[in-house]
C-alpha atoms as a PDB file:
ATOM      1  CA  MET A   1      43.320  22.057 -39.059  1.00  0.00           C
ATOM      2  CA  THR A   2      39.556  21.564 -39.065  1.00  0.00           C
ATOM      3  CA  THR A   3      37.353  20.989 -36.062  1.00  0.00           C
ATOM      4  CA  ASP A   4      34.512  18.573 -35.848  1.00  0.00           C
ATOM      5  CA  PRO A   5      31.227  20.494 -35.303  1.00  0.00           C
ATOM      6  CA  ALA A   6      29.643  17.497 -33.554  1.00  0.00           C
ATOM      7  CA  PRO A   7      29.542  17.776 -29.760  1.00  0.00           C
ATOM      8  CA  ALA A   8      31.948  15.672 -27.731  1.00  0.00           C
ATOM      9  CA  VAL A   9      30.674  12.528 -26.036  1.00  0.00           C
ATOM     10  CA  GLU A  10      30.485  14.225 -22.630  1.00  0.00           C
ATOM     11  CA  GLU A  11      28.366  17.058 -24.109  1.00  0.00           C
ATOM     12  CA  HIS A  12      25.480  14.753 -25.109  1.00  0.00           C
ATOM     13  CA  ASP A  13      22.434  14.610 -22.881  1.00  0.00           C
ATOM     14  CA  PRO A  14      21.833  11.136 -21.507  1.00  0.00           C
ATOM     15  CA  PRO A  15      19.045   9.256 -23.295  1.00  0.00           C
ATOM     16  CA  HIS A  16      15.613   9.931 -21.838  1.00  0.00           C
ATOM     17  CA  ARG A  17      14.238   6.946 -19.968  1.00  0.00           C
ATOM     18  CA  PRO A  18      10.554   6.564 -19.155  1.00  0.00           C
ATOM     19  CA  TRP A  19       9.479   6.509 -15.517  1.00  0.00           C
ATOM     20  CA  LEU A  20       9.108   2.753 -15.477  1.00  0.00           C
ATOM     21  CA  SER A  21      10.173   0.330 -18.170  1.00  0.00           C
ATOM     22  CA  PRO A  22       7.916  -2.577 -19.178  1.00  0.00           C
ATOM     23  CA  GLY A  23      10.202  -4.834 -17.145  1.00  0.00           C
ATOM     24  CA  ASP A  24       9.798  -2.596 -14.094  1.00  0.00           C
ATOM     25  CA  ILE A  25       6.019  -2.696 -14.512  1.00  0.00           C
ATOM     26  CA  ALA A  26       5.962  -6.494 -14.872  1.00  0.00           C
ATOM     27  CA  LEU A  27       8.182  -6.848 -11.798  1.00  0.00           C
ATOM     28  CA  GLY A  28       5.968  -4.479  -9.784  1.00  0.00           C
ATOM     29  CA  ILE A  29       2.777  -6.293 -10.749  1.00  0.00           C
ATOM     30  CA  GLY A  30       4.382  -9.645  -9.947  1.00  0.00           C
ATOM     31  CA  MET A  31       5.627  -8.414  -6.571  1.00  0.00           C
ATOM     32  CA  GLY A  32       2.200  -6.955  -5.765  1.00  0.00           C
ATOM     33  CA  LEU A  33       0.477 -10.242  -6.581  1.00  0.00           C
ATOM     34  CA  VAL A  34       3.008 -12.217  -4.526  1.00  0.00           C
ATOM     35  CA  LEU A  35       2.418  -9.840  -1.612  1.00  0.00           C
ATOM     36  CA  ALA A  36      -1.343 -10.353  -1.978  1.00  0.00           C
ATOM     37  CA  VAL A  37      -0.924 -14.157  -1.967  1.00  0.00           C
ATOM     38  CA  VAL A  38       1.274 -13.942   1.140  1.00  0.00           C
ATOM     39  CA  LEU A  39      -1.365 -11.840   2.923  1.00  0.00           C
ATOM     40  CA  VAL A  40      -4.080 -14.347   2.022  1.00  0.00           C
ATOM     41  CA  ALA A  41      -1.893 -17.244   3.177  1.00  0.00           C
ATOM     42  CA  LEU A  42      -1.032 -15.597   6.512  1.00  0.00           C
ATOM     43  CA  VAL A  43      -4.526 -14.431   7.479  1.00  0.00           C
ATOM     44  CA  PRO A  44      -6.862 -17.434   7.725  1.00  0.00           C
ATOM     45  CA  GLY A  45     -10.018 -15.308   8.175  1.00  0.00           C
ATOM     46  CA  THR A  46      -9.300 -13.513   4.896  1.00  0.00           C
ATOM     47  CA  ARG A  47      -8.784 -16.830   3.133  1.00  0.00           C
ATOM     48  CA  THR A  48     -12.170 -18.046   4.411  1.00  0.00           C
ATOM     49  CA  HIS A  49     -13.804 -14.796   3.308  1.00  0.00           C
ATOM     50  CA  LEU A  50     -12.270 -14.824  -0.178  1.00  0.00           C
ATOM     51  CA  PHE A  51     -13.301 -18.381  -0.938  1.00  0.00           C
ATOM     52  CA  GLY A  52     -16.985 -17.941  -0.075  1.00  0.00           C
ATOM     53  CA  GLY A  53     -16.924 -18.901   3.601  1.00  0.00           C
ATOM     54  CA  THR A  54     -18.761 -15.757   4.743  1.00  0.00           C
ATOM     55  CA  GLU A  55     -22.258 -14.435   4.212  1.00  0.00           C
ATOM     56  CA  GLN A  56     -23.589 -10.920   4.477  1.00  0.00           C
ATOM     57  CA  THR A  57     -25.272 -10.851   7.879  1.00  0.00           C
ATOM     58  CA  GLU A  58     -27.174  -8.273   9.885  1.00  0.00           C
ATOM     59  CA  THR A  59     -25.467  -8.285  13.301  1.00  0.00           C
ATOM     60  CA  THR A  60     -26.165  -6.426  16.536  1.00  0.00           C
ATOM     61  CA  VAL A  61     -23.390  -4.925  18.643  1.00  0.00           C
ATOM     62  CA  VAL A  62     -23.777  -6.285  22.202  1.00  0.00           C
ATOM     63  CA  ALA A  63     -20.500  -5.010  23.713  1.00  0.00           C
ATOM     64  CA  VAL A  64     -17.743  -2.536  22.807  1.00  0.00           C
ATOM     65  CA  SER A  65     -14.321  -2.405  24.446  1.00  0.00           C
ATOM     66  CA  GLU A  66     -11.385  -0.175  23.656  1.00  0.00           C
ATOM     67  CA  ARG A  67      -7.782  -0.798  24.673  1.00  0.00           C
ATOM     68  CA  PRO A  68      -4.342   0.474  23.676  1.00  0.00           C
ATOM     69  CA  ARG A  69      -2.588  -1.445  20.938  1.00  0.00           C
ATOM     70  CA  THR A  70       0.180  -3.659  22.322  1.00  0.00           C
ATOM     71  CA  GLY A  71       3.417  -1.664  22.407  1.00  0.00           C
ATOM     72  CA  GLU A  72       1.739   1.507  21.088  1.00  0.00           C
ATOM     73  CA  ASP A  73      -0.023   3.392  23.865  1.00  0.00           C
ATOM     74  CA  ASP A  74      -1.141   6.189  21.527  1.00  0.00           C
ATOM     75  CA  ARG A  75      -3.113   3.834  19.226  1.00  0.00           C
ATOM     76  CA  THR A  76      -6.231   1.923  20.190  1.00  0.00           C
ATOM     77  CA  VAL A  77      -7.924  -1.302  19.157  1.00  0.00           C
ATOM     78  CA  THR A  78     -11.678  -1.568  19.506  1.00  0.00           C
ATOM     79  CA  SER A  79     -13.342  -4.958  19.979  1.00  0.00           C
ATOM     80  CA  TYR A  80     -17.011  -5.410  19.130  1.00  0.00           C
ATOM     81  CA  GLU A  81     -18.964  -8.362  20.438  1.00  0.00           C
ATOM     82  CA  LEU A  82     -21.594  -9.190  17.821  1.00  0.00           C
ATOM     83  CA  ARG A  83     -24.744 -11.312  17.919  1.00  0.00           C
ATOM     84  CA  TRP A  84     -27.047 -12.497  15.153  1.00  0.00           C
ATOM     85  CA  SER A  85     -29.688 -15.123  14.620  1.00  0.00           C
ATOM     86  CA  GLU A  86     -29.495 -17.909  12.102  1.00  0.00           C
ATOM     87  CA  GLY A  87     -32.798 -19.731  12.220  1.00  0.00           C
ATOM     88  CA  ASP A  88     -33.304 -20.789  15.861  1.00  0.00           C
ATOM     89  CA  ASP A  89     -29.582 -20.448  16.638  1.00  0.00           C
ATOM     90  CA  VAL A  90     -28.121 -17.318  18.177  1.00  0.00           C
ATOM     91  CA  ARG A  91     -24.496 -16.870  17.124  1.00  0.00           C
ATOM     92  CA  THR A  92     -21.754 -14.600  18.386  1.00  0.00           C
ATOM     93  CA  ALA A  93     -18.431 -13.295  17.102  1.00  0.00           C
ATOM     94  CA  THR A  94     -15.759 -10.766  17.984  1.00  0.00           C
ATOM     95  CA  PHE A  95     -14.687  -8.138  15.456  1.00  0.00           C
ATOM     96  CA  ARG A  96     -11.556  -6.045  16.060  1.00  0.00           C
ATOM     97  CA  ARG A  97     -10.652  -2.787  14.336  1.00  0.00           C
ATOM     98  CA  SER A  98      -7.936  -0.190  14.835  1.00  0.00           C
ATOM     99  CA  GLY A  99      -9.027   3.171  16.126  1.00  0.00           C
ATOM    100  CA  PRO A 100     -11.696   4.517  18.460  1.00  0.00           C
ATOM    101  CA  PRO A 101     -15.187   2.976  18.565  1.00  0.00           C
ATOM    102  CA  GLN A 102     -17.395   3.706  15.568  1.00  0.00           C
ATOM    103  CA  ARG A 103     -20.436   1.770  16.814  1.00  0.00           C
ATOM    104  CA  GLU A 104     -22.313   1.613  20.094  1.00  0.00           C
ATOM    105  CA  VAL A 105     -24.065  -1.193  21.936  1.00  0.00           C
ATOM    106  CA  GLY A 106     -27.409  -1.832  20.260  1.00  0.00           C
ATOM    107  CA  ASP A 107     -26.324  -0.679  16.782  1.00  0.00           C
ATOM    108  CA  THR A 108     -27.019  -2.976  13.854  1.00  0.00           C
ATOM    109  CA  TRP A 109     -24.114  -3.602  11.510  1.00  0.00           C
ATOM    110  CA  THR A 110     -24.144  -5.453   8.218  1.00  0.00           C
ATOM    111  CA  LEU A 111     -20.943  -7.507   8.012  1.00  0.00           C
ATOM    112  CA  TRP A 112     -19.632 -10.550   6.193  1.00  0.00           C
ATOM    113  CA  VAL A 113     -19.543 -13.334   8.782  1.00  0.00           C
ATOM    114  CA  SER A 114     -18.669 -17.026   8.635  1.00  0.00           C
ATOM    115  CA  PRO A 115     -21.267 -19.384  10.164  1.00  0.00           C
ATOM    116  CA  ASP A 116     -18.989 -20.222  13.115  1.00  0.00           C
ATOM    117  CA  GLY A 117     -18.049 -16.550  13.682  1.00  0.00           C
ATOM    118  CA  SER A 118     -14.323 -17.140  13.127  1.00  0.00           C
ATOM    119  CA  SER A 119     -14.164 -14.739  10.176  1.00  0.00           C
ATOM    120  CA  VAL A 120     -15.755 -11.278  10.261  1.00  0.00           C
ATOM    121  CA  GLU A 121     -15.075  -8.789   7.453  1.00  0.00           C
ATOM    122  CA  ALA A 122     -16.486  -5.347   6.682  1.00  0.00           C
ATOM    123  CA  SER A 123     -16.148  -5.532   2.872  1.00  0.00           C
ATOM    124  CA  SER A 124     -17.527  -8.005   0.378  1.00  0.00           C
ATOM    125  CA  PRO A 125     -15.372 -10.811  -1.014  1.00  0.00           C
ATOM    126  CA  LEU A 126     -15.430  -9.102  -4.433  1.00  0.00           C
ATOM    127  CA  ALA A 127     -14.115  -5.838  -2.992  1.00  0.00           C
ATOM    128  CA  THR A 128     -11.379  -7.762  -1.166  1.00  0.00           C
ATOM    129  CA  TRP A 129     -10.411  -9.648  -4.357  1.00  0.00           C
ATOM    130  CA  LEU A 130     -10.229  -6.358  -6.273  1.00  0.00           C
ATOM    131  CA  TRP A 131      -8.132  -4.721  -3.561  1.00  0.00           C
ATOM    132  CA  LEU A 132      -5.705  -7.640  -3.506  1.00  0.00           C
ATOM    133  CA  GLY A 133      -5.583  -8.173  -7.281  1.00  0.00           C
ATOM    134  CA  ILE A 134      -5.481  -4.543  -8.411  1.00  0.00           C
ATOM    135  CA  GLY A 135      -4.739  -2.460  -5.338  1.00  0.00           C
ATOM    136  CA  MET A 136      -1.638  -4.321  -4.174  1.00  0.00           C
ATOM    137  CA  PRO A 137       0.115  -4.280  -7.592  1.00  0.00           C
ATOM    138  CA  ALA A 138      -0.843  -0.605  -8.061  1.00  0.00           C
ATOM    139  CA  PHE A 139       0.577   0.183  -4.615  1.00  0.00           C
ATOM    140  CA  VAL A 140       3.866  -1.548  -5.463  1.00  0.00           C
ATOM    141  CA  LEU A 141       4.038   0.305  -8.807  1.00  0.00           C
ATOM    142  CA  VAL A 142       3.511   3.668  -7.102  1.00  0.00           C
ATOM    143  CA  ILE A 143       6.272   2.889  -4.609  1.00  0.00           C
ATOM    144  CA  GLY A 144       8.549   1.797  -7.491  1.00  0.00           C
ATOM    145  CA  ALA A 145       7.823   4.999  -9.418  1.00  0.00           C
ATOM    146  CA  LEU A 146       8.592   7.107  -6.343  1.00  0.00           C
ATOM    147  CA  VAL A 147      11.878   5.291  -5.755  1.00  0.00           C
ATOM    148  CA  HIS A 148      12.777   5.686  -9.442  1.00  0.00           C
ATOM    149  CA  TRP A 149      11.865   9.404  -9.365  1.00  0.00           C
ATOM    150  CA  ARG A 150      13.972   9.934  -6.240  1.00  0.00           C
ATOM    151  CA  GLY A 151      16.945   8.239  -7.916  1.00  0.00           C
ATOM    152  CA  ARG A 152      16.610  10.513 -10.937  1.00  0.00           C
ATOM    153  CA  VAL A 153      16.378  13.617  -8.742  1.00  0.00           C
ATOM    154  CA  MET A 154      19.457  12.562  -6.770  1.00  0.00           C
ATOM    155  CA  ALA A 155      21.425  11.867  -9.971  1.00  0.00           C
ATOM    156  CA  ARG A 156      20.423  15.246 -11.433  1.00  0.00           C
ATOM    157  CA  SER A 157      21.388  17.052  -8.250  1.00  0.00           C
ATOM    158  CA  ALA A 158      24.885  15.531  -8.379  1.00  0.00           C
ATOM    159  CA  VAL A 159      25.295  16.654 -12.011  1.00  0.00           C
ATOM    160  CA  ARG A 160      24.011  20.151 -11.181  1.00  0.00           C
ATOM    161  CA  GLU A 161      26.405  20.435  -8.254  1.00  0.00           C
ATOM    162  CA  ALA A 162      29.304  19.373 -10.476  1.00  0.00           C
ATOM    163  CA  ASP A 163      28.211  21.974 -13.069  1.00  0.00           C
ATOM    164  CA  ARG A 164      28.108  24.694 -10.358  1.00  0.00           C
ATOM    165  CA  ILE A 165      31.588  23.758  -9.169  1.00  0.00           C
ATOM    166  CA  GLU A 166      32.928  23.786 -12.730  1.00  0.00           C
ATOM    167  CA  ALA A 167      31.281  27.156 -13.452  1.00  0.00           C
ATOM    168  CA  ALA A 168      32.833  28.624 -10.286  1.00  0.00           C
ATOM    169  CA  ARG A 169      36.249  27.340 -11.361  1.00  0.00           C
ATOM    170  CA  GLU A 170      35.797  28.900 -14.802  1.00  0.00           C
ATOM    171  CA  ARG A 171      34.829  32.255 -13.239  1.00  0.00           C
ATOM    172  CA  ARG A 172      37.873  32.171 -10.962  1.00  0.00           C
ATOM    173  CA  ARG A 173      40.135  31.340 -13.931  1.00  0.00           C
ATOM    174  CA  ALA A 174      38.579  34.108 -16.009  1.00  0.00           C
ATOM    175  CA  SER A 175      38.907  36.688 -13.223  1.00  0.00           C
ATOM    176  CA  SER A 176      42.511  35.760 -12.461  1.00  0.00           C
ATOM    177  CA  SER A 177      43.606  36.068 -16.110  1.00  0.00           C
END
């Protein structure tokens, strides 16, 4: 009787898969872009800012107030009352940010502000477009890669545990013989 020198099916290593397949990457980019569109649709001030409704404006902080975030006493929201001149008109707006105050009354602050003061943003429209168009898909891809990596680690740990159990059984069989 001859034996086949080729390893049995269960002795083959599983085929190596890349971290993310092209389909995974396309899905991640698509999900990131959909998430970006949803954010733009849900936040009217951002929509105004992205479509040219704000201008870079030199504002003056006229009041600062800090309060706890609703439902989260350990986190604060800071509101800044801003004033700026546009020709003979003096305009005002309120700008809210998470965290402790970073500006004081009397400070000047260059912000992107809509003429009616309804939209106030700290970054330019271009930076916001780049963050939404590149940053959101990249964020989703990183999360996908981490989930994929965790799945691979969990699968390998189950195989290693099974190998340890089998090796212990073999040692017990060998020592009892």
